[in-house]
Amino acid sequence: MSDGDFRDVDRKTAGTDGDRSEVNSHSEVQRQVTDLIGRKEDRRLRAKIEQHQRVWFGLGMFGLVGWSVTIPTIVGAAVGMWIDDRWDGRQSWTLMLLLGGLIMGCLNAWRWLRDESQVR
C-alpha cells in the first residue's frame, strides 16, 4: 500500500470538531484502510485463480486444435486407402484425401479459434 492511499483516506476523514471527531475520524480511517486492503487482496486472489484457469484453458485448446486437425486427416487417409484398394487408377486417392482432410481440419481449427477469441 502506498503513502498516497493513506493520504487520500486521511483527507477524506479529517475532522474539525475536536476529540470526538478525531475518534470518529480514526475509526473511519481504520475502516477505509481495512476495506482498501480487503479489495486489494481480493484482486490478488482473483488474478491468481484466473491465471491457473488460463493455463488449463490453453492446454485444453491445444488438445482440441490438435484433434480437430488430426481426425479429418486420418479419416481422409483411411477413405483414400479404401478407394485405392477397391479401384485401380493412376492417381493416389490416399494422398489427395489425406491433404483434403488436413486442409479441412486446419480450416475447422482456425474457425473455432476465431470464434472462441471473439467470445472472450
PDB file of N, CA and C in Angstrom:
ATOM      1  N   MET A   1       0.853  -1.150   0.000  1.00  0.00           N
ATOM      2  CA  MET A   1       0.000   0.000   0.000  1.00  0.00           C
ATOM      3  C   MET A   1       0.903   1.218   0.000  1.00  0.00           C
ATOM      4  N   SER A   2       0.611   2.195  -0.835  1.00  0.00           N
ATOM      5  CA  SER A   2       1.469   3.371  -0.936  1.00  0.00           C
ATOM      6  C   SER A   2       1.027   4.444   0.048  1.00  0.00           C
ATOM      7  N   ASP A   3       1.912   5.404   0.255  1.00  0.00           N
ATOM      8  CA  ASP A   3       1.598   6.511   1.150  1.00  0.00           C
ATOM      9  C   ASP A   3       0.435   7.335   0.610  1.00  0.00           C
ATOM     10  N   GLY A   4       0.312   7.404  -0.700  1.00  0.00           N
ATOM     11  CA  GLY A   4      -0.781   8.159  -1.312  1.00  0.00           C
ATOM     12  C   GLY A   4      -2.142   7.610  -0.917  1.00  0.00           C
ATOM     13  N   ASP A   5      -2.249   6.282  -0.756  1.00  0.00           N
ATOM     14  CA  ASP A   5      -3.512   5.671  -0.350  1.00  0.00           C
ATOM     15  C   ASP A   5      -3.917   6.161   1.036  1.00  0.00           C
ATOM     16  N   PHE A   6      -2.956   6.218   1.964  1.00  0.00           N
ATOM     17  CA  PHE A   6      -3.253   6.675   3.317  1.00  0.00           C
ATOM     18  C   PHE A   6      -3.590   8.168   3.341  1.00  0.00           C
ATOM     19  N   ARG A   7      -2.876   8.951   2.524  1.00  0.00           N
ATOM     20  CA  ARG A   7      -3.148  10.381   2.490  1.00  0.00           C
ATOM     21  C   ARG A   7      -4.564  10.650   2.005  1.00  0.00           C
ATOM     22  N   ASP A   8      -5.015   9.888   0.973  1.00  0.00           N
ATOM     23  CA  ASP A   8      -6.376  10.059   0.479  1.00  0.00           C
ATOM     24  C   ASP A   8      -7.388   9.736   1.563  1.00  0.00           C
ATOM     25  N   VAL A   9      -7.144   8.682   2.313  1.00  0.00           N
ATOM     26  CA  VAL A   9      -8.048   8.293   3.386  1.00  0.00           C
ATOM     27  C   VAL A   9      -8.049   9.355   4.467  1.00  0.00           C
ATOM     28  N   ASP A  10      -6.870   9.897   4.808  1.00  0.00           N
ATOM     29  CA  ASP A  10      -6.777  10.924   5.845  1.00  0.00           C
ATOM     30  C   ASP A  10      -7.515  12.190   5.427  1.00  0.00           C
ATOM     31  N   ARG A  11      -7.382  12.600   4.181  1.00  0.00           N
ATOM     32  CA  ARG A  11      -8.052  13.814   3.714  1.00  0.00           C
ATOM     33  C   ARG A  11      -9.566  13.672   3.773  1.00  0.00           C
ATOM     34  N   LYS A  12     -10.050  12.512   3.425  1.00  0.00           N
ATOM     35  CA  LYS A  12     -11.491  12.294   3.391  1.00  0.00           C
ATOM     36  C   LYS A  12     -12.094  12.281   4.791  1.00  0.00           C
ATOM     37  N   THR A  13     -11.326  11.868   5.768  1.00  0.00           N
ATOM     38  CA  THR A  13     -11.882  11.667   7.100  1.00  0.00           C
ATOM     39  C   THR A  13     -11.409  12.686   8.122  1.00  0.00           C
ATOM     40  N   ALA A  14     -10.609  13.663   7.721  1.00  0.00           N
ATOM     41  CA  ALA A  14     -10.107  14.654   8.681  1.00  0.00           C
ATOM     42  C   ALA A  14     -11.258  15.491   9.204  1.00  0.00           C
ATOM     43  N   GLY A  15     -11.357  15.628  10.529  1.00  0.00           N
ATOM     44  CA  GLY A  15     -12.465  16.364  11.145  1.00  0.00           C
ATOM     45  C   GLY A  15     -11.968  17.615  11.834  1.00  0.00           C
ATOM     46  N   THR A  16     -12.898  18.516  12.178  1.00  0.00           N
ATOM     47  CA  THR A  16     -12.540  19.747  12.863  1.00  0.00           C
ATOM     48  C   THR A  16     -13.370  19.950  14.122  1.00  0.00           C
ATOM     49  N   ASP A  17     -14.107  18.899  14.572  1.00  0.00           N
ATOM     50  CA  ASP A  17     -14.994  19.040  15.720  1.00  0.00           C
ATOM     51  C   ASP A  17     -14.350  18.617  17.037  1.00  0.00           C
ATOM     52  N   GLY A  18     -13.048  18.610  17.162  1.00  0.00           N
ATOM     53  CA  GLY A  18     -12.401  18.288  18.418  1.00  0.00           C
ATOM     54  C   GLY A  18     -12.122  16.818  18.574  1.00  0.00           C
ATOM     55  N   ASP A  19     -12.036  16.367  19.872  1.00  0.00           N
ATOM     56  CA  ASP A  19     -11.662  14.989  20.185  1.00  0.00           C
ATOM     57  C   ASP A  19     -12.657  13.969  19.660  1.00  0.00           C
ATOM     58  N   ARG A  20     -13.929  14.285  19.781  1.00  0.00           N
ATOM     59  CA  ARG A  20     -14.954  13.328  19.342  1.00  0.00           C
ATOM     60  C   ARG A  20     -14.839  13.047  17.841  1.00  0.00           C
ATOM     61  N   SER A  21     -14.624  14.073  17.069  1.00  0.00           N
ATOM     62  CA  SER A  21     -14.475  13.879  15.625  1.00  0.00           C
ATOM     63  C   SER A  21     -13.184  13.143  15.313  1.00  0.00           C
ATOM     64  N   GLU A  22     -12.146  13.336  16.155  1.00  0.00           N
ATOM     65  CA  GLU A  22     -10.902  12.614  15.928  1.00  0.00           C
ATOM     66  C   GLU A  22     -11.092  11.119  16.158  1.00  0.00           C
ATOM     67  N   VAL A  23     -11.892  10.745  17.179  1.00  0.00           N
ATOM     68  CA  VAL A  23     -12.164   9.330  17.428  1.00  0.00           C
ATOM     69  C   VAL A  23     -12.953   8.750  16.267  1.00  0.00           C
ATOM     70  N   ASN A  24     -14.006   9.467  15.829  1.00  0.00           N
ATOM     71  CA  ASN A  24     -14.793   9.010  14.683  1.00  0.00           C
ATOM     72  C   ASN A  24     -13.936   8.972  13.426  1.00  0.00           C
ATOM     73  N   SER A  25     -13.091   9.993  13.287  1.00  0.00           N
ATOM     74  CA  SER A  25     -12.215  10.064  12.131  1.00  0.00           C
ATOM     75  C   SER A  25     -11.245   8.885  12.120  1.00  0.00           C
ATOM     76  N   HIS A  26     -10.694   8.574  13.282  1.00  0.00           N
ATOM     77  CA  HIS A  26      -9.741   7.473  13.380  1.00  0.00           C
ATOM     78  C   HIS A  26     -10.418   6.140  13.048  1.00  0.00           C
ATOM     79  N   SER A  27     -11.613   5.890  13.562  1.00  0.00           N
ATOM     80  CA  SER A  27     -12.300   4.631  13.265  1.00  0.00           C
ATOM     81  C   SER A  27     -12.708   4.577  11.797  1.00  0.00           C
ATOM     82  N   GLU A  28     -13.058   5.731  11.226  1.00  0.00           N
ATOM     83  CA  GLU A  28     -13.398   5.788   9.808  1.00  0.00           C
ATOM     84  C   GLU A  28     -12.169   5.495   8.950  1.00  0.00           C
ATOM     85  N   VAL A  29     -11.031   6.016   9.355  1.00  0.00           N
ATOM     86  CA  VAL A  29      -9.783   5.760   8.640  1.00  0.00           C
ATOM     87  C   VAL A  29      -9.453   4.270   8.700  1.00  0.00           C
ATOM     88  N   GLN A  30      -9.593   3.688   9.894  1.00  0.00           N
ATOM     89  CA  GLN A  30      -9.323   2.255  10.028  1.00  0.00           C
ATOM     90  C   GLN A  30     -10.241   1.439   9.130  1.00  0.00           C
ATOM     91  N   ARG A  31     -11.521   1.792   9.088  1.00  0.00           N
ATOM     92  CA  ARG A  31     -12.477   1.063   8.256  1.00  0.00           C
ATOM     93  C   ARG A  31     -12.109   1.183   6.774  1.00  0.00           C
ATOM     94  N   GLN A  32     -11.769   2.393   6.360  1.00  0.00           N
ATOM     95  CA  GLN A  32     -11.423   2.594   4.955  1.00  0.00           C
ATOM     96  C   GLN A  32     -10.130   1.876   4.576  1.00  0.00           C
ATOM     97  N   VAL A  33      -9.155   1.890   5.461  1.00  0.00           N
ATOM     98  CA  VAL A  33      -7.902   1.186   5.195  1.00  0.00           C
ATOM     99  C   VAL A  33      -8.158  -0.313   5.130  1.00  0.00           C
ATOM    100  N   THR A  34      -8.970  -0.819   6.045  1.00  0.00           N
ATOM    101  CA  THR A  34      -9.306  -2.247   6.040  1.00  0.00           C
ATOM    102  C   THR A  34     -10.029  -2.620   4.742  1.00  0.00           C
ATOM    103  N   ASP A  35     -10.962  -1.774   4.309  1.00  0.00           N
ATOM    104  CA  ASP A  35     -11.665  -2.033   3.047  1.00  0.00           C
ATOM    105  C   ASP A  35     -10.700  -2.025   1.868  1.00  0.00           C
ATOM    106  N   LEU A  36      -9.778  -1.065   1.870  1.00  0.00           N
ATOM    107  CA  LEU A  36      -8.796  -0.964   0.789  1.00  0.00           C
ATOM    108  C   LEU A  36      -7.917  -2.209   0.733  1.00  0.00           C
ATOM    109  N   ILE A  37      -7.439  -2.650   1.881  1.00  0.00           N
ATOM    110  CA  ILE A  37      -6.602  -3.851   1.933  1.00  0.00           C
ATOM    111  C   ILE A  37      -7.395  -5.069   1.481  1.00  0.00           C
ATOM    112  N   GLY A  38      -8.660  -5.162   1.912  1.00  0.00           N
ATOM    113  CA  GLY A  38      -9.509  -6.285   1.509  1.00  0.00           C
ATOM    114  C   GLY A  38      -9.731  -6.320   0.004  1.00  0.00           C
ATOM    115  N   ARG A  39      -9.973  -5.164  -0.602  1.00  0.00           N
ATOM    116  CA  ARG A  39     -10.183  -5.122  -2.064  1.00  0.00           C
ATOM    117  C   ARG A  39      -8.919  -5.539  -2.811  1.00  0.00           C
ATOM    118  N   LYS A  40      -7.771  -5.070  -2.330  1.00  0.00           N
ATOM    119  CA  LYS A  40      -6.509  -5.437  -2.991  1.00  0.00           C
ATOM    120  C   LYS A  40      -6.246  -6.939  -2.865  1.00  0.00           C
ATOM    121  N   GLU A  41      -6.541  -7.499  -1.708  1.00  0.00           N
ATOM    122  CA  GLU A  41      -6.339  -8.936  -1.506  1.00  0.00           C
ATOM    123  C   GLU A  41      -7.293  -9.740  -2.388  1.00  0.00           C
ATOM    124  N   ASP A  42      -8.539  -9.299  -2.508  1.00  0.00           N
ATOM    125  CA  ASP A  42      -9.493  -9.978  -3.382  1.00  0.00           C
ATOM    126  C   ASP A  42      -9.020  -9.955  -4.832  1.00  0.00           C
ATOM    127  N   ARG A  43      -8.518  -8.809  -5.278  1.00  0.00           N
ATOM    128  CA  ARG A  43      -7.998  -8.717  -6.641  1.00  0.00           C
ATOM    129  C   ARG A  43      -6.825  -9.653  -6.867  1.00  0.00           C
ATOM    130  N   ARG A  44      -5.937  -9.729  -5.883  1.00  0.00           N
ATOM    131  CA  ARG A  44      -4.769 -10.611  -5.999  1.00  0.00           C
ATOM    132  C   ARG A  44      -5.195 -12.070  -6.097  1.00  0.00           C
ATOM    133  N   LEU A  45      -6.143 -12.476  -5.254  1.00  0.00           N
ATOM    134  CA  LEU A  45      -6.609 -13.867  -5.279  1.00  0.00           C
ATOM    135  C   LEU A  45      -7.327 -14.193  -6.583  1.00  0.00           C
ATOM    136  N   ARG A  46      -8.166 -13.268  -7.072  1.00  0.00           N
ATOM    137  CA  ARG A  46      -8.855 -13.500  -8.345  1.00  0.00           C
ATOM    138  C   ARG A  46      -7.867 -13.640  -9.493  1.00  0.00           C
ATOM    139  N   ALA A  47      -6.832 -12.816  -9.511  1.00  0.00           N
ATOM    140  CA  ALA A  47      -5.816 -12.892 -10.565  1.00  0.00           C
ATOM    141  C   ALA A  47      -5.089 -14.227 -10.513  1.00  0.00           C
ATOM    142  N   LYS A  48      -4.815 -14.711  -9.311  1.00  0.00           N
ATOM    143  CA  LYS A  48      -4.129 -15.999  -9.164  1.00  0.00           C
ATOM    144  C   LYS A  48      -5.004 -17.135  -9.675  1.00  0.00           C
ATOM    145  N   ILE A  49      -6.291 -17.118  -9.355  1.00  0.00           N
ATOM    146  CA  ILE A  49      -7.219 -18.158  -9.814  1.00  0.00           C
ATOM    147  C   ILE A  49      -7.387 -18.100 -11.324  1.00  0.00           C
ATOM    148  N   GLU A  50      -7.556 -16.888 -11.864  1.00  0.00           N
ATOM    149  CA  GLU A  50      -7.738 -16.747 -13.310  1.00  0.00           C
ATOM    150  C   GLU A  50      -6.502 -17.196 -14.073  1.00  0.00           C
ATOM    151  N   GLN A  51      -5.319 -16.943 -13.534  1.00  0.00           N
ATOM    152  CA  GLN A  51      -4.091 -17.384 -14.196  1.00  0.00           C
ATOM    153  C   GLN A  51      -4.059 -18.907 -14.253  1.00  0.00           C
ATOM    154  N   HIS A  52      -4.442 -19.561 -13.165  1.00  0.00           N
ATOM    155  CA  HIS A  52      -4.478 -21.024 -13.134  1.00  0.00           C
ATOM    156  C   HIS A  52      -5.488 -21.548 -14.159  1.00  0.00           C
ATOM    157  N   GLN A  53      -6.636 -20.899 -14.274  1.00  0.00           N
ATOM    158  CA  GLN A  53      -7.643 -21.325 -15.237  1.00  0.00           C
ATOM    159  C   GLN A  53      -7.165 -21.091 -16.665  1.00  0.00           C
ATOM    160  N   ARG A  54      -6.420 -20.010 -16.909  1.00  0.00           N
ATOM    161  CA  ARG A  54      -5.918 -19.746 -18.256  1.00  0.00           C
ATOM    162  C   ARG A  54      -4.945 -20.824 -18.704  1.00  0.00           C
ATOM    163  N   VAL A  55      -4.145 -21.349 -17.779  1.00  0.00           N
ATOM    164  CA  VAL A  55      -3.200 -22.413 -18.131  1.00  0.00           C
ATOM    165  C   VAL A  55      -3.970 -23.643 -18.586  1.00  0.00           C
ATOM    166  N   TRP A  56      -4.979 -24.052 -17.818  1.00  0.00           N
ATOM    167  CA  TRP A  56      -5.762 -25.229 -18.196  1.00  0.00           C
ATOM    168  C   TRP A  56      -6.552 -24.981 -19.470  1.00  0.00           C
ATOM    169  N   PHE A  57      -7.066 -23.764 -19.646  1.00  0.00           N
ATOM    170  CA  PHE A  57      -7.784 -23.436 -20.872  1.00  0.00           C
ATOM    171  C   PHE A  57      -6.845 -23.546 -22.068  1.00  0.00           C
ATOM    172  N   GLY A  58      -5.619 -23.057 -21.926  1.00  0.00           N
ATOM    173  CA  GLY A  58      -4.644 -23.131 -23.014  1.00  0.00           C
ATOM    174  C   GLY A  58      -4.282 -24.565 -23.365  1.00  0.00           C
ATOM    175  N   LEU A  59      -4.105 -25.399 -22.345  1.00  0.00           N
ATOM    176  CA  LEU A  59      -3.800 -26.809 -22.609  1.00  0.00           C
ATOM    177  C   LEU A  59      -4.980 -27.510 -23.283  1.00  0.00           C
ATOM    178  N   GLY A  60      -6.173 -27.206 -22.824  1.00  0.00           N
ATOM    179  CA  GLY A  60      -7.365 -27.783 -23.451  1.00  0.00           C
ATOM    180  C   GLY A  60      -7.507 -27.331 -24.892  1.00  0.00           C
ATOM    181  N   MET A  61      -7.232 -26.068 -25.144  1.00  0.00           N
ATOM    182  CA  MET A  61      -7.301 -25.524 -26.501  1.00  0.00           C
ATOM    183  C   MET A  61      -6.269 -26.201 -27.394  1.00  0.00           C
ATOM    184  N   PHE A  62      -5.082 -26.408 -26.859  1.00  0.00           N
ATOM    185  CA  PHE A  62      -4.023 -27.074 -27.612  1.00  0.00           C
ATOM    186  C   PHE A  62      -4.471 -28.473 -28.040  1.00  0.00           C
ATOM    187  N   GLY A  63      -5.057 -29.229 -27.104  1.00  0.00           N
ATOM    188  CA  GLY A  63      -5.546 -30.572 -27.421  1.00  0.00           C
ATOM    189  C   GLY A  63      -6.693 -30.548 -28.407  1.00  0.00           C
ATOM    190  N   LEU A  64      -7.598 -29.611 -28.239  1.00  0.00           N
ATOM    191  CA  LEU A  64      -8.750 -29.520 -29.138  1.00  0.00           C
ATOM    192  C   LEU A  64      -8.312 -29.200 -30.558  1.00  0.00           C
ATOM    193  N   VAL A  65      -7.405 -28.264 -30.699  1.00  0.00           N
ATOM    194  CA  VAL A  65      -6.907 -27.908 -32.029  1.00  0.00           C
ATOM    195  C   VAL A  65      -6.186 -29.101 -32.657  1.00  0.00           C
ATOM    196  N   GLY A  66      -5.392 -29.794 -31.871  1.00  0.00           N
ATOM    197  CA  GLY A  66      -4.681 -30.961 -32.390  1.00  0.00           C
ATOM    198  C   GLY A  66      -5.630 -32.027 -32.897  1.00  0.00           C
ATOM    199  N   TRP A  67      -6.651 -32.349 -32.109  1.00  0.00           N
ATOM    200  CA  TRP A  67      -7.599 -33.378 -32.538  1.00  0.00           C
ATOM    201  C   TRP A  67      -8.474 -32.901 -33.693  1.00  0.00           C
ATOM    202  N   SER A  68      -8.803 -31.623 -33.737  1.00  0.00           N
ATOM    203  CA  SER A  68      -9.646 -31.139 -34.839  1.00  0.00           C
ATOM    204  C   SER A  68      -8.903 -31.172 -36.166  1.00  0.00           C
ATOM    205  N   VAL A  69      -7.585 -31.206 -36.149  1.00  0.00           N
ATOM    206  CA  VAL A  69      -6.799 -31.355 -37.382  1.00  0.00           C
ATOM    207  C   VAL A  69      -6.507 -32.830 -37.643  1.00  0.00           C
ATOM    208  N   THR A  70      -6.209 -33.589 -36.611  1.00  0.00           N
ATOM    209  CA  THR A  70      -5.796 -34.985 -36.762  1.00  0.00           C
ATOM    210  C   THR A  70      -6.929 -35.876 -37.268  1.00  0.00           C
ATOM    211  N   ILE A  71      -8.105 -35.741 -36.697  1.00  0.00           N
ATOM    212  CA  ILE A  71      -9.205 -36.650 -37.057  1.00  0.00           C
ATOM    213  C   ILE A  71      -9.593 -36.531 -38.531  1.00  0.00           C
ATOM    214  N   PRO A  72      -9.840 -35.331 -39.091  1.00  0.00           N
ATOM    215  CA  PRO A  72     -10.159 -35.271 -40.526  1.00  0.00           C
ATOM    216  C   PRO A  72      -9.013 -35.785 -41.412  1.00  0.00           C
ATOM    217  N   THR A  73      -7.780 -35.577 -40.985  1.00  0.00           N
ATOM    218  CA  THR A  73      -6.638 -36.063 -41.768  1.00  0.00           C
ATOM    219  C   THR A  73      -6.623 -37.591 -41.802  1.00  0.00           C
ATOM    220  N   ILE A  74      -6.828 -38.215 -40.652  1.00  0.00           N
ATOM    221  CA  ILE A  74      -6.839 -39.682 -40.599  1.00  0.00           C
ATOM    222  C   ILE A  74      -8.035 -40.253 -41.359  1.00  0.00           C
ATOM    223  N   VAL A  75      -9.185 -39.623 -41.216  1.00  0.00           N
ATOM    224  CA  VAL A  75     -10.376 -40.097 -41.944  1.00  0.00           C
ATOM    225  C   VAL A  75     -10.150 -39.982 -43.443  1.00  0.00           C
ATOM    226  N   GLY A  76      -9.592 -38.856 -43.884  1.00  0.00           N
ATOM    227  CA  GLY A  76      -9.307 -38.689 -45.312  1.00  0.00           C
ATOM    228  C   GLY A  76      -8.346 -39.750 -45.821  1.00  0.00           C
ATOM    229  N   ALA A  77      -7.296 -40.039 -45.070  1.00  0.00           N
ATOM    230  CA  ALA A  77      -6.326 -41.061 -45.484  1.00  0.00           C
ATOM    231  C   ALA A  77      -6.980 -42.443 -45.516  1.00  0.00           C
ATOM    232  N   ALA A  78      -7.812 -42.742 -44.520  1.00  0.00           N
ATOM    233  CA  ALA A  78      -8.471 -44.060 -44.476  1.00  0.00           C
ATOM    234  C   ALA A  78      -9.429 -44.236 -45.646  1.00  0.00           C
ATOM    235  N   VAL A  79     -10.210 -43.213 -45.946  1.00  0.00           N
ATOM    236  CA  VAL A  79     -11.139 -43.301 -47.087  1.00  0.00           C
ATOM    237  C   VAL A  79     -10.346 -43.411 -48.390  1.00  0.00           C
ATOM    238  N   GLY A  80      -9.257 -42.663 -48.498  1.00  0.00           N
ATOM    239  CA  GLY A  80      -8.414 -42.748 -49.690  1.00  0.00           C
ATOM    240  C   GLY A  80      -7.810 -44.132 -49.867  1.00  0.00           C
ATOM    241  N   MET A  81      -7.362 -44.754 -48.787  1.00  0.00           N
ATOM    242  CA  MET A  81      -6.825 -46.112 -48.870  1.00  0.00           C
ATOM    243  C   MET A  81      -7.910 -47.102 -49.287  1.00  0.00           C
ATOM    244  N   TRP A  82      -9.107 -46.915 -48.769  1.00  0.00           N
ATOM    245  CA  TRP A  82     -10.221 -47.805 -49.134  1.00  0.00           C
ATOM    246  C   TRP A  82     -10.529 -47.676 -50.616  1.00  0.00           C
ATOM    247  N   ILE A  83     -10.553 -46.439 -51.146  1.00  0.00           N
ATOM    248  CA  ILE A  83     -10.824 -46.231 -52.582  1.00  0.00           C
ATOM    249  C   ILE A  83      -9.692 -46.821 -53.405  1.00  0.00           C
ATOM    250  N   ASP A  84      -8.436 -46.626 -53.007  1.00  0.00           N
ATOM    251  CA  ASP A  84      -7.298 -47.180 -53.743  1.00  0.00           C
ATOM    252  C   ASP A  84      -7.339 -48.709 -53.775  1.00  0.00           C
ATOM    253  N   ASP A  85      -7.791 -49.342 -52.695  1.00  0.00           N
ATOM    254  CA  ASP A  85      -7.894 -50.807 -52.666  1.00  0.00           C
ATOM    255  C   ASP A  85      -9.010 -51.319 -53.572  1.00  0.00           C
ATOM    256  N   ARG A  86     -10.092 -50.605 -53.715  1.00  0.00           N
ATOM    257  CA  ARG A  86     -11.261 -51.055 -54.491  1.00  0.00           C
ATOM    258  C   ARG A  86     -11.100 -50.810 -55.984  1.00  0.00           C
ATOM    259  N   TRP A  87     -10.559 -49.653 -56.353  1.00  0.00           N
ATOM    260  CA  TRP A  87     -10.465 -49.300 -57.760  1.00  0.00           C
ATOM    261  C   TRP A  87      -9.026 -48.908 -58.103  1.00  0.00           C
ATOM    262  N   ASP A  88      -8.564 -49.454 -59.199  1.00  0.00           N
ATOM    263  CA  ASP A  88      -7.228 -49.107 -59.676  1.00  0.00           C
ATOM    264  C   ASP A  88      -7.299 -47.790 -60.440  1.00  0.00           C
ATOM    265  N   GLY A  89      -6.244 -47.007 -60.335  1.00  0.00           N
ATOM    266  CA  GLY A  89      -6.187 -45.739 -61.054  1.00  0.00           C
ATOM    267  C   GLY A  89      -4.786 -45.174 -60.994  1.00  0.00           C
ATOM    268  N   ARG A  90      -4.567 -44.159 -61.812  1.00  0.00           N
ATOM    269  CA  ARG A  90      -3.242 -43.551 -61.840  1.00  0.00           C
ATOM    270  C   ARG A  90      -3.010 -42.631 -60.653  1.00  0.00           C
ATOM    271  N   GLN A  91      -4.044 -41.990 -60.190  1.00  0.00           N
ATOM    272  CA  GLN A  91      -3.884 -41.051 -59.072  1.00  0.00           C
ATOM    273  C   GLN A  91      -4.023 -41.772 -57.734  1.00  0.00           C
ATOM    274  N   SER A  92      -3.404 -41.199 -56.753  1.00  0.00           N
ATOM    275  CA  SER A  92      -3.456 -41.758 -55.402  1.00  0.00           C
ATOM    276  C   SER A  92      -4.555 -41.036 -54.615  1.00  0.00           C
ATOM    277  N   TRP A  93      -5.651 -41.752 -54.390  1.00  0.00           N
ATOM    278  CA  TRP A  93      -6.738 -41.177 -53.594  1.00  0.00           C
ATOM    279  C   TRP A  93      -6.310 -41.006 -52.136  1.00  0.00           C
ATOM    280  N   THR A  94      -5.426 -41.848 -51.681  1.00  0.00           N
ATOM    281  CA  THR A  94      -4.950 -41.731 -50.297  1.00  0.00           C
ATOM    282  C   THR A  94      -4.287 -40.379 -50.076  1.00  0.00           C
ATOM    283  N   LEU A  95      -3.390 -40.011 -50.973  1.00  0.00           N
ATOM    284  CA  LEU A  95      -2.679 -38.752 -50.836  1.00  0.00           C
ATOM    285  C   LEU A  95      -3.619 -37.554 -50.990  1.00  0.00           C
ATOM    286  N   MET A  96      -4.504 -37.605 -51.974  1.00  0.00           N
ATOM    287  CA  MET A  96      -5.422 -36.483 -52.204  1.00  0.00           C
ATOM    288  C   MET A  96      -6.375 -36.283 -51.023  1.00  0.00           C
ATOM    289  N   LEU A  97      -6.949 -37.357 -50.508  1.00  0.00           N
ATOM    290  CA  LEU A  97      -7.894 -37.222 -49.404  1.00  0.00           C
ATOM    291  C   LEU A  97      -7.182 -36.932 -48.085  1.00  0.00           C
ATOM    292  N   LEU A  98      -5.946 -37.392 -47.950  1.00  0.00           N
ATOM    293  CA  LEU A  98      -5.160 -37.021 -46.769  1.00  0.00           C
ATOM    294  C   LEU A  98      -4.945 -35.510 -46.748  1.00  0.00           C
ATOM    295  N   LEU A  99      -4.535 -34.944 -47.867  1.00  0.00           N
ATOM    296  CA  LEU A  99      -4.343 -33.495 -47.945  1.00  0.00           C
ATOM    297  C   LEU A  99      -5.670 -32.755 -47.780  1.00  0.00           C
ATOM    298  N   GLY A 100      -6.742 -33.290 -48.374  1.00  0.00           N
ATOM    299  CA  GLY A 100      -8.064 -32.675 -48.209  1.00  0.00           C
ATOM    300  C   GLY A 100      -8.496 -32.677 -46.748  1.00  0.00           C
ATOM    301  N   GLY A 101      -8.273 -33.782 -46.052  1.00  0.00           N
ATOM    302  CA  GLY A 101      -8.612 -33.851 -44.629  1.00  0.00           C
ATOM    303  C   GLY A 101      -7.772 -32.892 -43.804  1.00  0.00           C
ATOM    304  N   LEU A 102      -6.503 -32.775 -44.164  1.00  0.00           N
ATOM    305  CA  LEU A 102      -5.623 -31.844 -43.450  1.00  0.00           C
ATOM    306  C   LEU A 102      -6.094 -30.406 -43.632  1.00  0.00           C
ATOM    307  N   ILE A 103      -6.436 -30.048 -44.850  1.00  0.00           N
ATOM    308  CA  ILE A 103      -6.923 -28.685 -45.120  1.00  0.00           C
ATOM    309  C   ILE A 103      -8.240 -28.428 -44.384  1.00  0.00           C
ATOM    310  N   MET A 104      -9.150 -29.402 -44.437  1.00  0.00           N
ATOM    311  CA  MET A 104     -10.430 -29.232 -43.734  1.00  0.00           C
ATOM    312  C   MET A 104     -10.218 -29.102 -42.225  1.00  0.00           C
ATOM    313  N   GLY A 105      -9.327 -29.901 -41.671  1.00  0.00           N
ATOM    314  CA  GLY A 105      -9.036 -29.828 -40.242  1.00  0.00           C
ATOM    315  C   GLY A 105      -8.441 -28.483 -39.850  1.00  0.00           C
ATOM    316  N   CYS A 106      -7.524 -27.973 -40.653  1.00  0.00           N
ATOM    317  CA  CYS A 106      -6.916 -26.669 -40.359  1.00  0.00           C
ATOM    318  C   CYS A 106      -7.950 -25.549 -40.455  1.00  0.00           C
ATOM    319  N   LEU A 107      -8.810 -25.593 -41.454  1.00  0.00           N
ATOM    320  CA  LEU A 107      -9.863 -24.585 -41.567  1.00  0.00           C
ATOM    321  C   LEU A 107     -10.829 -24.655 -40.384  1.00  0.00           C
ATOM    322  N   ASN A 108     -11.169 -25.872 -39.986  1.00  0.00           N
ATOM    323  CA  ASN A 108     -12.065 -26.053 -38.847  1.00  0.00           C
ATOM    324  C   ASN A 108     -11.429 -25.496 -37.565  1.00  0.00           C
ATOM    325  N   ALA A 109     -10.163 -25.797 -37.341  1.00  0.00           N
ATOM    326  CA  ALA A 109      -9.463 -25.299 -36.146  1.00  0.00           C
ATOM    327  C   ALA A 109      -9.353 -23.783 -36.183  1.00  0.00           C
ATOM    328  N   TRP A 110      -9.053 -23.224 -37.344  1.00  0.00           N
ATOM    329  CA  TRP A 110      -8.945 -21.772 -37.473  1.00  0.00           C
ATOM    330  C   TRP A 110     -10.284 -21.110 -37.171  1.00  0.00           C
ATOM    331  N   ARG A 111     -11.374 -21.635 -37.722  1.00  0.00           N
ATOM    332  CA  ARG A 111     -12.705 -21.081 -37.486  1.00  0.00           C
ATOM    333  C   ARG A 111     -13.069 -21.156 -36.006  1.00  0.00           C
ATOM    334  N   TRP A 112     -12.791 -22.301 -35.387  1.00  0.00           N
ATOM    335  CA  TRP A 112     -13.137 -22.474 -33.980  1.00  0.00           C
ATOM    336  C   TRP A 112     -12.342 -21.504 -33.097  1.00  0.00           C
ATOM    337  N   LEU A 113     -11.037 -21.352 -33.369  1.00  0.00           N
ATOM    338  CA  LEU A 113     -10.214 -20.421 -32.589  1.00  0.00           C
ATOM    339  C   LEU A 113     -10.659 -18.976 -32.794  1.00  0.00           C
ATOM    340  N   ARG A 114     -11.018 -18.622 -33.999  1.00  0.00           N
ATOM    341  CA  ARG A 114     -11.502 -17.263 -34.276  1.00  0.00           C
ATOM    342  C   ARG A 114     -12.788 -16.989 -33.509  1.00  0.00           C
ATOM    343  N   ASP A 115     -13.733 -17.940 -33.548  1.00  0.00           N
ATOM    344  CA  ASP A 115     -14.993 -17.778 -32.816  1.00  0.00           C
ATOM    345  C   ASP A 115     -14.754 -17.714 -31.310  1.00  0.00           C
ATOM    346  N   GLU A 116     -13.856 -18.526 -30.802  1.00  0.00           N
ATOM    347  CA  GLU A 116     -13.580 -18.551 -29.365  1.00  0.00           C
ATOM    348  C   GLU A 116     -12.914 -17.251 -28.912  1.00  0.00           C
ATOM    349  N   SER A 117     -12.034 -16.685 -29.736  1.00  0.00           N
ATOM    350  CA  SER A 117     -11.371 -15.442 -29.347  1.00  0.00           C
ATOM    351  C   SER A 117     -12.334 -14.262 -29.376  1.00  0.00           C
ATOM    352  N   GLN A 118     -13.373 -14.315 -30.216  1.00  0.00           N
ATOM    353  CA  GLN A 118     -14.381 -13.253 -30.247  1.00  0.00           C
ATOM    354  C   GLN A 118     -15.279 -13.308 -29.033  1.00  0.00           C
ATOM    355  N   VAL A 119     -15.527 -14.509 -28.496  1.00  0.00           N
ATOM    356  CA  VAL A 119     -16.352 -14.669 -27.305  1.00  0.00           C
ATOM    357  C   VAL A 119     -15.653 -14.070 -26.103  1.00  0.00           C
ATOM    358  N   ARG A 120     -14.358 -14.266 -25.970  1.00  0.00           N
ATOM    359  CA  ARG A 120     -13.595 -13.750 -24.829  1.00  0.00           C
ATOM    360  C   ARG A 120     -13.275 -12.338 -25.111  1.00  0.00           C
TER     361      ARG A 120
END
